[in-house]
Amino acid sequence: MSSIVTTTSAYNRLLAELEIELRDLHSHNLLRRPVALEAVDGVRMRIDGRNVVCWCSNDYLGLSTHPAVVRAAGEAAQAWGVGARASRLLAGTSAWHARLEDALARWYAAEGCVVFPSGYLATLGVLSALAGPGDAIVIDRLSHASLVEASHAARARLRVAAHNEPEAVAAALSRSHQARRRFVVTEGVFSMEGDRAPLAELLDVTDAHEAILIVDDAHGAFVLGRTGRGTPEACGVDPARFILIGTLGKALGCQGGFVVGPKPLIELIRNRAKTFIYTTALATPVAAAAVAALGVVEQEPVHRERLHARVEALHRELAPHAQALDRSHIVPVVLGSAERALRVAQRLWEQGHWAPAIRPPTVPRGSARLRLSVTAAHSEEQVEKLAEVLRDALKA
């Protein structure tokens, strides 16, 4: 019998069509490929033998390499192995998963917590568990792709509201008055804009319309607020008034997502969220590392203080080029066309600064940009040098 395997004609046609689609992406400067890091030393990275300063990391507090966090992961790996070996409702829940959920619940003064293997899975699991046909979801126009996909997956009626406009949310809720449940979905800090959602105003709207607010605070958690409790603390609102989702993969320097809240909410999500039930649990060493990282956030505020100092410095240096409405650790420099964004990014690269061009579909057409992420690991000198190089690049 011949061992030669040939593809079907339908498969060949698919591959030919994909080649055409790829060429189209390339012709519009929209083709993207992963960049392999050869070495990492804080914000210094080596790529293709070249040393650069990274400005695209979400490791906002620099905790991914903190000694206590690394040590916790290593010790857990020695004791528990690497993979979790099963889903959470089978053999995948270790003592470290339980400790992490307890620690996060205490951090937010909530009754319980569910941890997911990623932030994307957390948003998808929470929304699909709570909403369905007969319900309505109003989502901010600039919300992250995970929130958009989660809203579609819920099969509820979806309405899109203008960015950070509570009046538009109120109007959308008014048009959905016959829905069984009504949800308003937003980010805490918007991942490409760097601005904050007006949580107090949104809560006024949801209270008035008997709707439920869901906030994905992926980029605000452990960074904003006096104690690092995120966008709710920065906005002066009680997170007990809404459903709060967060991530372990950004400011905590680890991996995973979570939701905190009252016991009925947590129990329902454990029993209904498919992205919790039907996937292998978060790796045990990562859960242990996240517990350690949360301890660092609580005991070592210097990391958050250093980050805020670098944020202020970069905004000051880049004014008026940085378009962020809030002085955020996410600093967008909107350049318009994908071609111009690629050109400016290349000039920064040549000077030792890595800030990839952000292009559609990540951002709307005509708003390609550099999305600079400031971290506590950046030095004052690196901030000043980036600003100098970027100002020169923008003149070209």
Protein backbone atom coordinates (compact mmCIF):
# COMPACT_ATOMS: atom_id res chain seq x y z
CA MET A 1 0.00 0.00 0.00
CA SER A 2 1.33 3.43 -0.93
CA SER A 3 2.28 5.74 1.95
CA ILE A 4 1.91 8.84 -0.22
CA VAL A 5 -0.85 11.13 1.03
CA THR A 6 -2.42 13.62 -1.35
CA THR A 7 -4.68 16.50 -0.39
CA THR A 8 -8.22 16.66 -1.73
CA SER A 9 -9.20 19.11 -4.43
CA ALA A 10 -11.32 21.02 -1.91
CA TYR A 11 -8.32 21.33 0.41
CA ASN A 12 -6.14 22.51 -2.48
CA ARG A 13 -8.72 25.16 -3.38
CA LEU A 14 -8.78 26.31 0.27
CA LEU A 15 -4.99 26.67 0.34
CA ALA A 16 -5.04 28.66 -2.91
CA GLU A 17 -7.71 30.98 -1.49
CA LEU A 18 -5.69 31.45 1.69
CA GLU A 19 -2.64 32.44 -0.35
CA ILE A 20 -4.73 35.14 -2.02
CA GLU A 21 -5.99 36.40 1.35
CA LEU A 22 -2.44 36.52 2.71
CA ARG A 23 -1.21 38.48 -0.30
CA ASP A 24 -4.07 40.92 0.21
CA LEU A 25 -3.11 41.41 3.86
CA HIS A 26 0.50 41.99 2.83
CA SER A 27 -0.46 44.53 0.16
CA HIS A 28 -2.37 46.55 2.77
CA ASN A 29 0.43 46.41 5.36
CA LEU A 30 -1.73 44.25 7.62
CA LEU A 31 0.18 40.95 7.63
CA ARG A 32 1.52 40.14 11.09
CA ARG A 33 3.87 37.47 12.39
CA PRO A 34 5.04 36.54 15.90
CA VAL A 35 8.47 37.77 16.98
CA ALA A 36 10.58 35.21 18.85
CA LEU A 37 12.45 36.56 21.88
CA GLU A 38 15.92 35.07 22.29
CA ALA A 39 16.54 36.46 25.77
CA VAL A 40 14.78 38.65 28.33
CA ASP A 41 16.30 40.83 31.04
CA GLY A 42 13.51 42.99 32.44
CA VAL A 43 12.50 45.32 29.63
CA ARG A 44 15.69 44.55 27.69
CA MET A 45 15.19 41.85 25.09
CA ARG A 46 17.22 40.24 22.34
CA ILE A 47 15.57 39.61 18.98
CA ASP A 48 17.48 38.28 15.96
CA GLY A 49 20.71 39.03 17.81
CA ARG A 50 19.71 42.67 18.41
CA ASN A 51 19.26 44.16 21.90
CA VAL A 52 16.21 46.40 22.24
CA VAL A 53 14.13 48.05 24.95
CA CYS A 54 10.59 46.67 24.93
CA TRP A 55 7.62 49.07 24.97
CA CYS A 56 4.89 46.53 24.22
CA SER A 57 4.80 44.39 27.37
CA ASN A 58 1.83 44.16 29.73
CA ASP A 59 4.14 43.24 32.65
CA TYR A 60 3.29 46.62 34.15
CA LEU A 61 4.85 46.10 37.59
CA GLY A 62 7.76 44.00 36.35
CA LEU A 63 6.66 41.07 38.51
CA SER A 64 7.21 38.32 35.93
CA THR A 65 10.85 38.22 37.02
CA HIS A 66 10.43 39.19 40.68
CA PRO A 67 12.49 36.74 42.82
CA ALA A 68 9.55 35.81 45.06
CA VAL A 69 7.30 35.10 42.08
CA VAL A 70 9.92 33.05 40.23
CA ARG A 71 10.79 31.14 43.39
CA ALA A 72 7.13 30.29 44.06
CA ALA A 73 6.70 28.92 40.54
CA GLY A 74 9.86 26.82 40.79
CA GLU A 75 9.01 25.34 44.17
CA ALA A 76 5.48 24.49 43.04
CA ALA A 77 6.81 22.86 39.88
CA GLN A 78 9.13 20.70 41.98
CA ALA A 79 6.30 19.67 44.29
CA TRP A 80 3.37 19.44 41.88
CA GLY A 81 4.84 19.05 38.40
CA VAL A 82 4.17 21.47 35.54
CA GLY A 83 0.74 20.79 34.04
CA ALA A 84 -2.46 20.66 36.10
CA ARG A 85 -3.30 17.27 34.52
CA ALA A 86 -7.08 17.75 34.40
CA SER A 87 -9.93 20.22 34.28
CA ARG A 88 -10.89 22.03 37.46
CA LEU A 89 -13.96 19.90 38.25
CA LEU A 90 -11.94 16.69 37.94
CA ALA A 91 -8.36 16.43 39.27
CA GLY A 92 -7.19 19.88 38.17
CA THR A 93 -7.80 21.90 41.34
CA SER A 94 -4.71 21.93 43.54
CA ALA A 95 -4.24 23.58 46.91
CA TRP A 96 -2.60 26.45 45.02
CA HIS A 97 -5.70 27.05 42.90
CA ALA A 98 -7.79 27.21 46.06
CA ARG A 99 -5.30 29.56 47.75
CA LEU A 100 -5.24 31.83 44.71
CA GLU A 101 -9.02 32.10 44.55
CA ASP A 102 -9.20 32.78 48.28
CA ALA A 103 -6.49 35.44 48.01
CA LEU A 104 -8.20 37.22 45.11
CA ALA A 105 -11.56 37.14 46.88
CA ARG A 106 -9.98 38.68 49.99
CA TRP A 107 -8.18 41.30 47.89
CA TYR A 108 -11.48 42.53 46.48
CA ALA A 109 -13.49 41.90 49.69
CA ALA A 110 -15.68 39.46 47.72
CA GLU A 111 -17.32 36.22 48.82
CA GLY A 112 -15.66 34.10 46.15
CA CYS A 113 -13.58 33.86 43.01
CA VAL A 114 -13.20 31.63 39.95
CA VAL A 115 -9.83 31.45 38.16
CA PHE A 116 -9.59 30.59 34.45
CA PRO A 117 -6.52 29.62 32.37
CA SER A 118 -6.61 33.00 30.57
CA GLY A 119 -8.34 36.36 30.69
CA TYR A 120 -9.96 35.63 27.31
CA LEU A 121 -11.50 32.44 28.72
CA ALA A 122 -12.71 34.33 31.79
CA THR A 123 -14.69 36.90 29.78
CA LEU A 124 -16.03 34.25 27.43
CA GLY A 125 -17.03 31.98 30.30
CA VAL A 126 -18.68 34.63 32.45
CA LEU A 127 -20.81 36.21 29.73
CA SER A 128 -21.90 32.94 28.15
CA ALA A 129 -22.84 31.58 31.59
CA LEU A 130 -24.97 34.57 32.55
CA ALA A 131 -26.56 35.76 29.30
CA GLY A 132 -28.50 33.99 26.58
CA PRO A 133 -31.38 34.33 24.13
CA GLY A 134 -33.94 36.74 25.48
CA ASP A 135 -31.27 38.86 27.17
CA ALA A 136 -29.59 42.06 25.97
CA ILE A 137 -25.97 43.17 26.10
CA VAL A 138 -24.83 46.77 25.59
CA ILE A 139 -21.11 46.94 24.92
CA ASP A 140 -18.72 49.87 24.55
CA ARG A 141 -17.65 50.27 20.93
CA LEU A 142 -13.93 50.03 21.76
CA SER A 143 -14.12 47.03 24.06
CA HIS A 144 -11.52 44.29 23.68
CA ALA A 145 -12.08 41.51 21.14
CA SER A 146 -12.57 38.98 23.95
CA LEU A 147 -15.56 40.94 25.25
CA VAL A 148 -17.04 41.27 21.77
CA GLU A 149 -16.61 37.55 21.08
CA ALA A 150 -18.04 36.70 24.50
CA SER A 151 -21.09 38.89 23.82
CA HIS A 152 -21.70 37.15 20.50
CA ALA A 153 -21.22 33.71 22.08
CA ALA A 154 -23.89 34.48 24.66
CA ARG A 155 -26.47 34.71 21.84
CA ALA A 156 -28.14 37.65 23.54
CA ARG A 157 -29.25 40.68 21.58
CA LEU A 158 -26.16 42.87 21.20
CA ARG A 159 -26.17 46.65 21.03
CA VAL A 160 -23.01 48.74 20.60
CA ALA A 161 -22.71 52.07 22.43
CA ALA A 162 -20.44 55.01 21.63
CA HIS A 163 -17.16 54.93 23.52
CA ASN A 164 -17.40 56.05 27.15
CA GLU A 165 -20.77 57.76 26.69
CA PRO A 166 -23.19 56.81 29.48
CA GLU A 167 -26.01 58.59 27.65
CA ALA A 168 -25.58 56.24 24.70
CA VAL A 169 -25.66 53.28 27.07
CA ALA A 170 -28.88 54.58 28.62
CA ALA A 171 -30.47 54.95 25.19
CA ALA A 172 -29.48 51.41 24.22
CA LEU A 173 -30.92 50.02 27.46
CA SER A 174 -34.16 51.89 26.86
CA ARG A 175 -34.48 50.13 23.50
CA SER A 176 -33.98 46.78 25.24
CA HIS A 177 -36.59 47.14 27.97
CA GLN A 178 -38.30 43.82 27.10
CA ALA A 179 -35.16 41.74 27.67
CA ARG A 180 -35.10 39.27 30.58
CA ARG A 181 -31.66 40.42 31.73
CA ARG A 182 -29.73 43.44 30.55
CA PHE A 183 -25.97 43.73 30.81
CA VAL A 184 -23.60 46.63 30.17
CA VAL A 185 -20.08 45.49 29.25
CA THR A 186 -16.96 47.65 29.33
CA GLU A 187 -13.24 47.58 30.02
CA GLY A 188 -11.88 49.33 33.10
CA VAL A 189 -8.86 50.71 31.24
CA PHE A 190 -9.18 50.43 27.47
CA SER A 191 -6.33 48.40 26.05
CA MET A 192 -5.69 50.52 22.96
CA GLU A 193 -6.84 53.94 24.15
CA GLY A 194 -5.42 54.03 27.67
CA ASP A 195 -8.49 55.83 29.01
CA ARG A 196 -10.74 54.72 31.86
CA ALA A 197 -14.42 53.85 31.75
CA PRO A 198 -16.65 56.29 33.70
CA LEU A 199 -17.70 53.62 36.19
CA ALA A 200 -19.65 55.89 38.55
CA GLU A 201 -21.77 57.25 35.71
CA LEU A 202 -22.27 53.80 34.21
CA LEU A 203 -23.47 52.50 37.57
CA ASP A 204 -25.99 55.34 37.76
CA VAL A 205 -27.27 54.29 34.34
CA THR A 206 -27.45 50.58 35.11
CA ASP A 207 -29.17 51.24 38.43
CA ALA A 208 -31.75 53.45 36.73
CA HIS A 209 -32.47 50.83 34.06
CA GLU A 210 -32.22 47.74 36.30
CA ALA A 211 -29.26 46.47 34.31
CA ILE A 212 -26.05 44.72 35.41
CA LEU A 213 -22.60 46.19 34.82
CA ILE A 214 -19.73 43.88 33.87
CA VAL A 215 -16.22 45.37 33.98
CA ASP A 216 -13.13 43.70 32.56
CA ASP A 217 -10.35 45.39 34.51
CA ALA A 218 -7.50 43.51 32.82
CA HIS A 219 -5.32 46.62 32.45
CA GLY A 220 -6.32 48.41 35.65
CA ALA A 221 -6.18 45.62 38.21
CA PHE A 222 -3.26 45.84 40.67
CA VAL A 223 -2.05 49.07 38.98
CA LEU A 224 -4.60 51.81 39.57
CA GLY A 225 -5.99 53.11 42.82
CA ARG A 226 -4.32 54.02 46.09
CA THR A 227 -3.74 50.38 47.03
CA GLY A 228 -3.70 48.86 43.55
CA ARG A 229 -7.26 47.56 43.57
CA GLY A 230 -7.77 48.84 40.08
CA THR A 231 -10.17 51.03 38.19
CA PRO A 232 -13.01 50.74 40.74
CA GLU A 233 -10.74 52.11 43.47
CA ALA A 234 -9.43 54.84 41.15
CA CYS A 235 -13.02 55.83 40.30
CA GLY A 236 -14.22 55.65 43.90
CA VAL A 237 -16.83 52.95 43.33
CA ASP A 238 -17.53 49.73 45.21
CA PRO A 239 -16.78 46.64 43.08
CA ALA A 240 -19.53 44.81 44.98
CA ARG A 241 -22.01 46.76 42.84
CA PHE A 242 -21.04 45.01 39.60
CA ILE A 243 -19.37 41.92 38.14
CA LEU A 244 -15.60 42.33 38.10
CA ILE A 245 -13.33 40.34 35.78
CA GLY A 246 -9.55 40.62 35.84
CA THR A 247 -6.37 38.99 34.61
CA LEU A 248 -3.27 37.53 36.20
CA GLY A 249 -1.24 37.92 33.01
CA LYS A 250 -0.58 41.63 33.09
CA ALA A 251 0.29 43.51 36.29
CA LEU A 252 0.82 40.28 38.25
CA GLY A 253 3.25 39.02 35.61
CA CYS A 254 1.71 35.54 35.53
CA GLN A 255 -1.12 34.03 33.47
CA GLY A 256 -4.84 33.45 33.81
CA GLY A 257 -8.09 35.31 34.34
CA PHE A 258 -10.61 35.54 37.18
CA VAL A 259 -14.00 36.78 38.26
CA VAL A 260 -14.88 37.79 41.83
CA GLY A 261 -18.28 38.25 43.39
CA PRO A 262 -21.04 36.89 45.66
CA LYS A 263 -21.37 33.14 46.25
CA PRO A 264 -24.40 32.58 43.96
CA LEU A 265 -22.52 34.18 41.04
CA ILE A 266 -19.35 32.16 41.69
CA GLU A 267 -21.21 28.86 42.07
CA LEU A 268 -23.22 29.44 38.90
CA ILE A 269 -20.08 30.22 36.88
CA ARG A 270 -18.37 27.08 38.17
CA ASN A 271 -21.34 25.06 36.95
CA ARG A 272 -22.16 26.87 33.71
CA ALA A 273 -18.99 28.46 32.28
CA LYS A 274 -17.84 26.08 29.55
CA THR A 275 -14.39 27.68 29.46
CA PHE A 276 -13.99 26.66 33.10
CA ILE A 277 -15.55 23.19 32.90
CA TYR A 278 -14.13 21.87 29.65
CA THR A 279 -10.49 22.93 29.68
CA THR A 280 -7.34 21.91 31.54
CA ALA A 281 -6.82 24.00 34.64
CA LEU A 282 -4.28 26.78 34.96
CA ALA A 283 -0.81 25.26 35.47
CA THR A 284 -0.19 24.79 39.19
CA PRO A 285 3.20 26.61 39.24
CA VAL A 286 1.50 29.63 37.67
CA ALA A 287 -1.21 29.59 40.34
CA ALA A 288 1.49 29.54 43.03
CA ALA A 289 3.35 32.36 41.29
CA ALA A 290 0.19 34.46 41.16
CA VAL A 291 -0.34 34.05 44.90
CA ALA A 292 3.21 35.29 45.46
CA ALA A 293 2.73 38.18 43.02
CA LEU A 294 -0.41 39.33 44.81
CA GLY A 295 1.59 39.32 48.03
CA VAL A 296 4.25 41.49 46.40
CA VAL A 297 1.62 43.98 45.23
CA GLU A 298 0.30 44.25 48.76
CA GLN A 299 3.64 44.39 50.57
CA GLU A 300 5.81 46.31 48.08
CA PRO A 301 3.97 49.41 46.81
CA VAL A 302 7.28 50.70 45.44
CA HIS A 303 6.64 48.89 42.15
CA ARG A 304 3.36 50.71 41.63
CA GLU A 305 4.90 54.03 42.71
CA ARG A 306 7.79 53.60 40.28
CA LEU A 307 5.37 52.80 37.45
CA HIS A 308 3.32 55.93 38.10
CA ALA A 309 6.47 58.06 38.11
CA ARG A 310 7.51 56.65 34.72
CA VAL A 311 4.00 57.19 33.36
CA GLU A 312 4.03 60.84 34.36
CA ALA A 313 7.48 61.29 32.82
CA LEU A 314 6.54 59.76 29.47
CA HIS A 315 3.31 61.73 29.15
CA ARG A 316 5.21 64.89 29.96
CA GLU A 317 7.93 64.11 27.42
CA LEU A 318 5.52 63.16 24.63
CA ALA A 319 2.94 65.93 24.95
CA PRO A 320 1.13 66.59 22.65
CA HIS A 321 1.88 63.42 20.64
CA ALA A 322 0.34 60.95 23.12
CA GLN A 323 -3.43 60.87 22.68
CA ALA A 324 -4.46 59.21 25.98
CA LEU A 325 -7.24 61.11 27.71
CA ASP A 326 -6.06 59.79 31.06
CA ARG A 327 -2.47 59.71 32.24
CA SER A 328 -2.31 55.99 31.77
CA HIS A 329 0.41 53.35 31.59
CA ILE A 330 -0.99 52.67 28.10
CA VAL A 331 0.14 55.52 25.88
CA PRO A 332 -1.30 55.53 22.34
CA VAL A 333 0.41 57.52 19.60
CA VAL A 334 -2.18 57.47 16.81
CA LEU A 335 -0.59 57.76 13.35
CA GLY A 336 -3.48 57.01 10.99
CA SER A 337 -2.35 54.72 8.20
CA ALA A 338 -0.80 51.30 8.72
CA GLU A 339 2.05 52.35 6.43
CA ARG A 340 2.99 55.33 8.58
CA ALA A 341 2.72 53.31 11.78
CA LEU A 342 5.08 50.68 10.34
CA ARG A 343 7.51 53.37 9.21
CA VAL A 344 7.67 55.06 12.64
CA ALA A 345 7.96 51.70 14.39
CA GLN A 346 10.88 50.79 12.12
CA ARG A 347 12.69 54.04 12.98
CA LEU A 348 12.32 53.30 16.68
CA TRP A 349 13.58 49.75 16.10
CA GLU A 350 16.67 51.06 14.37
CA GLN A 351 17.39 53.13 17.49
CA GLY A 352 16.95 50.17 19.85
CA HIS A 353 13.31 50.61 20.89
CA TRP A 354 10.69 47.94 20.19
CA ALA A 355 7.17 49.32 19.82
CA PRO A 356 5.32 47.33 17.13
CA ALA A 357 2.77 49.06 14.92
CA ILE A 358 -0.80 48.31 16.00
CA ARG A 359 -2.98 47.95 12.92
CA PRO A 360 -6.50 46.84 11.98
CA PRO A 361 -8.31 44.73 12.98
CA THR A 362 -6.87 45.36 16.45
CA VAL A 363 -7.82 49.04 16.06
CA PRO A 364 -10.34 50.67 13.67
CA ARG A 365 -9.21 51.53 10.14
CA GLY A 366 -7.49 54.87 9.93
CA SER A 367 -6.29 54.71 13.54
CA ALA A 368 -3.11 52.61 13.29
CA ARG A 369 -0.78 53.55 16.10
CA LEU A 370 2.08 52.82 18.39
CA ARG A 371 0.70 51.57 21.68
CA LEU A 372 3.41 52.25 24.25
CA SER A 373 3.26 50.28 27.49
CA VAL A 374 5.14 51.80 30.39
CA THR A 375 6.32 49.49 33.17
CA ALA A 376 7.96 49.82 36.55
CA ALA A 377 11.04 48.15 35.07
CA HIS A 378 11.75 51.05 32.69
CA SER A 379 14.37 53.54 33.82
CA GLU A 380 14.14 57.32 33.65
CA GLU A 381 16.88 57.29 31.04
CA GLN A 382 14.97 54.81 28.86
CA VAL A 383 11.83 56.94 29.02
CA GLU A 384 13.75 60.08 28.03
CA LYS A 385 15.54 58.31 25.20
CA LEU A 386 12.33 56.82 23.80
CA ALA A 387 10.66 60.23 23.80
CA GLU A 388 13.62 61.79 22.01
CA VAL A 389 13.74 59.09 19.35
CA LEU A 390 9.97 59.13 18.84
CA ARG A 391 9.82 62.91 18.46
CA ASP A 392 12.48 62.71 15.72
CA ALA A 393 10.66 59.82 14.01
CA LEU A 394 7.38 61.74 13.95
CA LYS A 395 9.05 64.65 12.13
CA ALA A 396 10.22 62.42 9.27
